[in-house]
Amino acid sequence: MESQKDFLTLSLAGYTDNHGGEEHANDPVTALFLATSPVLAPHTASGSSSNNNSDDYGGAPVHENAPETTITTTTDGTIPPPFPWATNQRARIHSFRYLMLNKMNRISGRVQCKRCLNVFEMEIDVRKKLSELRRFTEGQKEDMKNRAPVEWMKPVLPKCEHCGRENSVTPVLAGVKKKAINWLFLFLSQTLGCCTIKQLKYFCKHTKNHRTASKNHLVYIAYSGLSKQFASECFDF
């Protein structure tokens, strides 16, 4: 079955990878990527605020007047994209195809170590993380039954590049406006479980999903919804 192919074989005709400069050969899955999407100009703006609240997951409080992204809503209900990989619609991200066409092989997210409290930008490789997520869902889909597994509810966090502590780095979510949440970073890093129930309900509201559910169901909905937005051909859950 096509979905069983290693995701790293997915390619775009004429796409040049930044990791070697050679064009990828055509793949049957490329048929899913025939139309060329328009390039939307990203807009970002930032202000500053101090917030010492922790999220539902128990992450460390952000300190040192952590900046808060300011997003202004336009008259037609759209917003300036808070990230180059986000659209001008709330809780909506661009597809994998869009990122590859625009040479966005890596994305970043703001994180904080729960031990040393350092706040910094963490980069992740889009292809690598998507492949990892796809393999995980392939092994778990029979057991999920519309509920997020424990690995998504209490994810193993990355090692801190500053203090070297394992299972320490959590995404910064306290004080972040809901419309400025970095959904793709949370999805690919498998840390959506760090979101609060209110943040998850915001995602469900703007993606037309049922909101009155337990947190593990809301986390499942977020993963499922983002998988459809980003690379629906790679997931079946």
Protein backbone atom coordinates (compact mmCIF):
# COMPACT_ATOMS: atom_id res chain seq x y z
CA MET A 1 0.00 0.00 0.00
CA GLU A 2 1.35 3.43 -0.93
CA SER A 3 1.04 4.77 2.60
CA GLN A 4 3.46 2.11 3.78
CA LYS A 5 6.32 3.66 1.77
CA ASP A 6 9.01 5.46 3.71
CA PHE A 7 7.96 9.08 3.85
CA LEU A 8 11.44 10.21 2.90
CA THR A 9 10.74 8.97 -0.65
CA LEU A 10 8.06 11.63 -1.09
CA SER A 11 9.30 14.33 -3.44
CA LEU A 12 8.23 17.14 -5.73
CA ALA A 13 9.05 17.33 -9.41
CA GLY A 14 11.78 19.92 -9.88
CA TYR A 15 12.29 20.46 -6.16
CA THR A 16 15.93 21.01 -5.20
CA ASP A 17 16.87 19.83 -1.72
CA ASN A 18 19.10 22.05 0.38
CA HIS A 19 20.98 18.95 1.56
CA GLY A 20 22.90 18.20 -1.57
CA GLY A 21 21.47 20.24 -4.42
CA GLU A 22 20.22 17.31 -6.53
CA GLU A 23 16.67 17.08 -7.89
CA HIS A 24 14.54 14.27 -6.53
CA ALA A 25 13.13 11.74 -8.97
CA ASN A 26 9.39 11.61 -9.60
CA ASP A 27 7.43 9.37 -7.24
CA PRO A 28 3.85 8.06 -7.63
CA VAL A 29 2.86 10.08 -4.57
CA THR A 30 3.91 13.21 -6.47
CA ALA A 31 0.56 12.97 -8.27
CA LEU A 32 -0.92 14.43 -5.09
CA PHE A 33 1.17 17.56 -5.60
CA LEU A 34 0.24 18.58 -9.17
CA ALA A 35 -1.05 22.11 -8.57
CA THR A 36 1.32 24.89 -7.58
CA SER A 37 0.17 26.79 -4.53
CA PRO A 38 0.62 30.59 -4.33
CA VAL A 39 3.30 31.91 -2.04
CA LEU A 40 1.80 33.83 0.85
CA ALA A 41 3.98 36.53 2.35
CA PRO A 42 4.45 35.87 6.08
CA HIS A 43 3.98 38.67 8.57
CA THR A 44 5.27 38.69 12.12
CA ALA A 45 5.08 41.23 14.86
CA SER A 46 6.19 41.07 18.45
CA GLY A 47 5.70 42.98 21.63
CA SER A 48 6.84 42.24 25.14
CA SER A 49 5.16 41.12 28.31
CA SER A 50 6.01 39.31 31.49
CA ASN A 51 4.18 36.10 32.34
CA ASN A 52 4.96 33.71 35.15
CA ASN A 53 2.09 31.27 34.65
CA SER A 54 2.76 27.64 33.82
CA ASP A 55 0.65 25.57 31.41
CA ASP A 56 -1.44 22.48 32.16
CA TYR A 57 1.52 20.23 31.39
CA GLY A 58 3.53 21.77 34.20
CA GLY A 59 6.19 23.53 32.12
CA ALA A 60 8.58 25.99 33.72
CA PRO A 61 7.40 29.62 33.94
CA VAL A 62 8.76 31.95 31.30
CA HIS A 63 10.81 34.75 32.78
CA GLU A 64 12.92 37.74 31.71
CA ASN A 65 9.99 39.55 30.11
CA ALA A 66 9.43 36.93 27.41
CA PRO A 67 8.08 38.53 24.20
CA GLU A 68 4.47 37.89 23.31
CA THR A 69 3.46 37.72 19.67
CA THR A 70 0.87 40.34 18.75
CA ILE A 71 -1.52 39.41 15.95
CA THR A 72 -4.03 41.92 14.57
CA THR A 73 -7.27 40.57 13.11
CA THR A 74 -8.32 42.08 9.78
CA THR A 75 -11.85 43.10 8.83
CA ASP A 76 -12.45 39.91 6.85
CA GLY A 77 -11.58 37.71 9.85
CA THR A 78 -8.12 36.68 8.64
CA ILE A 79 -4.90 37.33 10.54
CA PRO A 80 -1.33 38.09 9.45
CA PRO A 81 0.41 34.69 9.44
CA PRO A 82 2.35 34.45 12.73
CA PHE A 83 4.95 32.17 11.07
CA PRO A 84 6.02 31.54 7.47
CA TRP A 85 4.53 28.03 7.75
CA ALA A 86 1.17 29.29 9.08
CA THR A 87 -1.70 30.56 6.94
CA ASN A 88 -3.80 33.68 7.46
CA GLN A 89 -6.55 31.51 8.99
CA ARG A 90 -6.61 30.69 12.70
CA ALA A 91 -5.28 27.23 13.60
CA ARG A 92 -4.38 26.55 9.96
CA ILE A 93 -0.95 25.62 8.65
CA HIS A 94 0.57 25.29 5.20
CA SER A 95 1.10 21.84 3.74
CA PHE A 96 4.33 19.86 3.51
CA ARG A 97 4.23 20.49 -0.22
CA TYR A 98 4.08 24.24 0.34
CA LEU A 99 7.06 24.13 2.69
CA MET A 100 9.15 22.09 0.27
CA LEU A 101 8.29 24.37 -2.67
CA ASN A 102 9.42 27.32 -0.57
CA LYS A 103 12.62 25.64 0.67
CA MET A 104 11.43 25.52 4.28
CA ASN A 105 13.26 22.34 5.24
CA ARG A 106 13.55 23.40 8.88
CA ILE A 107 11.18 25.26 11.18
CA SER A 108 11.66 26.58 14.70
CA GLY A 109 9.77 27.08 17.92
CA ARG A 110 10.35 28.94 21.14
CA VAL A 111 11.13 26.61 24.04
CA GLN A 112 12.25 26.75 27.66
CA CYS A 113 14.20 24.36 29.84
CA LYS A 114 12.25 23.41 32.95
CA ARG A 115 15.52 22.94 34.88
CA CYS A 116 17.84 25.83 33.98
CA LEU A 117 14.97 28.08 32.73
CA ASN A 118 16.84 29.15 29.59
CA VAL A 119 14.50 30.30 26.82
CA PHE A 120 15.66 29.77 23.24
CA GLU A 121 14.63 28.93 19.67
CA MET A 122 14.79 25.25 18.76
CA GLU A 123 15.02 24.15 15.13
CA ILE A 124 13.65 20.85 13.82
CA ASP A 125 14.03 19.09 10.49
CA VAL A 126 10.64 18.92 8.78
CA ARG A 127 11.18 15.72 6.80
CA LYS A 128 12.80 13.85 9.69
CA LYS A 129 10.13 14.79 12.22
CA LEU A 130 7.27 14.06 9.84
CA SER A 131 8.74 10.65 9.09
CA GLU A 132 9.05 9.93 12.85
CA LEU A 133 5.47 11.00 13.47
CA ARG A 134 4.19 8.89 10.60
CA ARG A 135 5.98 5.79 11.87
CA PHE A 136 4.59 6.37 15.37
CA THR A 137 0.99 6.70 14.17
CA GLU A 138 1.35 3.58 12.02
CA GLY A 139 2.23 1.60 15.13
CA GLN A 140 -0.44 3.16 17.36
CA LYS A 141 -3.50 3.69 15.17
CA GLU A 142 -5.17 0.38 16.12
CA ASP A 143 -5.03 1.27 19.81
CA MET A 144 -5.83 4.99 19.79
CA LYS A 145 -9.63 4.78 19.29
CA ASN A 146 -10.04 8.58 19.12
CA ARG A 147 -7.91 9.04 22.22
CA ALA A 148 -4.32 10.28 22.34
CA PRO A 149 -1.77 7.72 23.59
CA VAL A 150 0.27 8.45 26.70
CA GLU A 151 3.27 9.38 24.51
CA TRP A 152 1.26 12.37 23.25
CA MET A 153 -0.31 13.27 26.56
CA LYS A 154 3.02 13.30 28.45
CA PRO A 155 5.66 13.53 25.75
CA VAL A 156 9.31 12.82 26.39
CA LEU A 157 10.85 16.26 26.04
CA PRO A 158 14.12 17.09 24.25
CA LYS A 159 17.46 17.46 25.98
CA CYS A 160 18.44 21.01 26.92
CA GLU A 161 21.30 22.33 24.82
CA HIS A 162 22.33 24.63 27.69
CA CYS A 163 22.35 22.48 30.84
CA GLY A 164 22.37 19.06 29.16
CA ARG A 165 19.43 17.73 31.19
CA GLU A 166 17.28 15.09 29.48
CA ASN A 167 13.48 15.43 29.17
CA SER A 168 13.70 19.14 29.98
CA VAL A 169 12.74 21.37 27.06
CA THR A 170 9.08 22.32 26.76
CA PRO A 171 7.44 24.63 24.21
CA VAL A 172 6.68 28.12 25.46
CA LEU A 173 2.88 28.42 25.59
CA ALA A 174 2.20 30.55 28.67
CA GLY A 175 1.36 34.10 27.63
CA VAL A 176 1.12 33.24 23.93
CA LYS A 177 -2.00 34.52 22.17
CA LYS A 178 -4.04 31.58 20.88
CA LYS A 179 -3.97 32.91 17.33
CA ALA A 180 -0.15 32.96 17.52
CA ILE A 181 0.35 29.34 18.67
CA ASN A 182 3.03 27.54 16.66
CA TRP A 183 0.83 24.59 15.69
CA LEU A 184 3.18 23.02 13.15
CA PHE A 185 6.12 23.02 15.57
CA LEU A 186 3.96 21.38 18.26
CA PHE A 187 2.66 18.83 15.75
CA LEU A 188 6.04 17.79 14.33
CA SER A 189 7.77 17.79 17.72
CA GLN A 190 4.85 15.73 19.12
CA THR A 191 4.30 18.15 22.00
CA LEU A 192 0.64 19.09 21.44
CA GLY A 193 -0.04 17.48 24.82
CA CYS A 194 1.71 20.46 26.41
CA CYS A 195 -1.21 22.69 25.33
CA THR A 196 -3.88 23.66 27.84
CA ILE A 197 -7.46 22.53 27.36
CA LYS A 198 -8.40 26.10 26.39
CA GLN A 199 -5.75 26.15 23.68
CA LEU A 200 -6.90 22.80 22.33
CA LYS A 201 -10.54 23.94 22.35
CA TYR A 202 -9.45 27.01 20.37
CA PHE A 203 -7.99 24.69 17.73
CA CYS A 204 -11.19 22.65 17.64
CA LYS A 205 -13.35 25.78 17.37
CA HIS A 206 -11.50 27.12 14.34
CA THR A 207 -11.24 23.75 12.62
CA LYS A 208 -14.94 22.97 13.20
CA ASN A 209 -14.41 20.07 15.59
CA HIS A 210 -16.36 19.05 18.70
CA ARG A 211 -14.95 20.86 21.76
CA THR A 212 -16.69 19.30 24.77
CA ALA A 213 -14.41 16.33 25.34
CA SER A 214 -11.65 15.10 27.63
CA LYS A 215 -8.14 16.38 27.08
CA ASN A 216 -6.86 13.14 25.56
CA HIS A 217 -9.64 13.32 22.97
CA LEU A 218 -8.85 16.99 22.24
CA VAL A 219 -5.17 16.15 21.78
CA TYR A 220 -6.14 13.35 19.40
CA ILE A 221 -8.34 15.76 17.41
CA ALA A 222 -5.46 18.24 17.17
CA TYR A 223 -3.06 15.61 15.81
CA SER A 224 -5.64 14.25 13.42
CA GLY A 225 -6.67 17.71 12.20
CA LEU A 226 -3.10 18.93 11.69
CA SER A 227 -2.14 15.72 9.88
CA LYS A 228 -4.92 16.39 7.36
CA GLN A 229 -3.79 19.97 6.88
CA PHE A 230 -0.11 19.16 6.54
CA ALA A 231 0.21 15.79 4.79
CA SER A 232 -3.06 13.86 4.66
CA GLU A 233 -1.60 11.28 2.26
CA CYS A 234 0.83 10.15 4.98
CA PHE A 235 -1.61 9.44 7.80
CA ASP A 236 -4.59 7.17 8.38
CA PHE A 237 -5.95 7.68 11.91
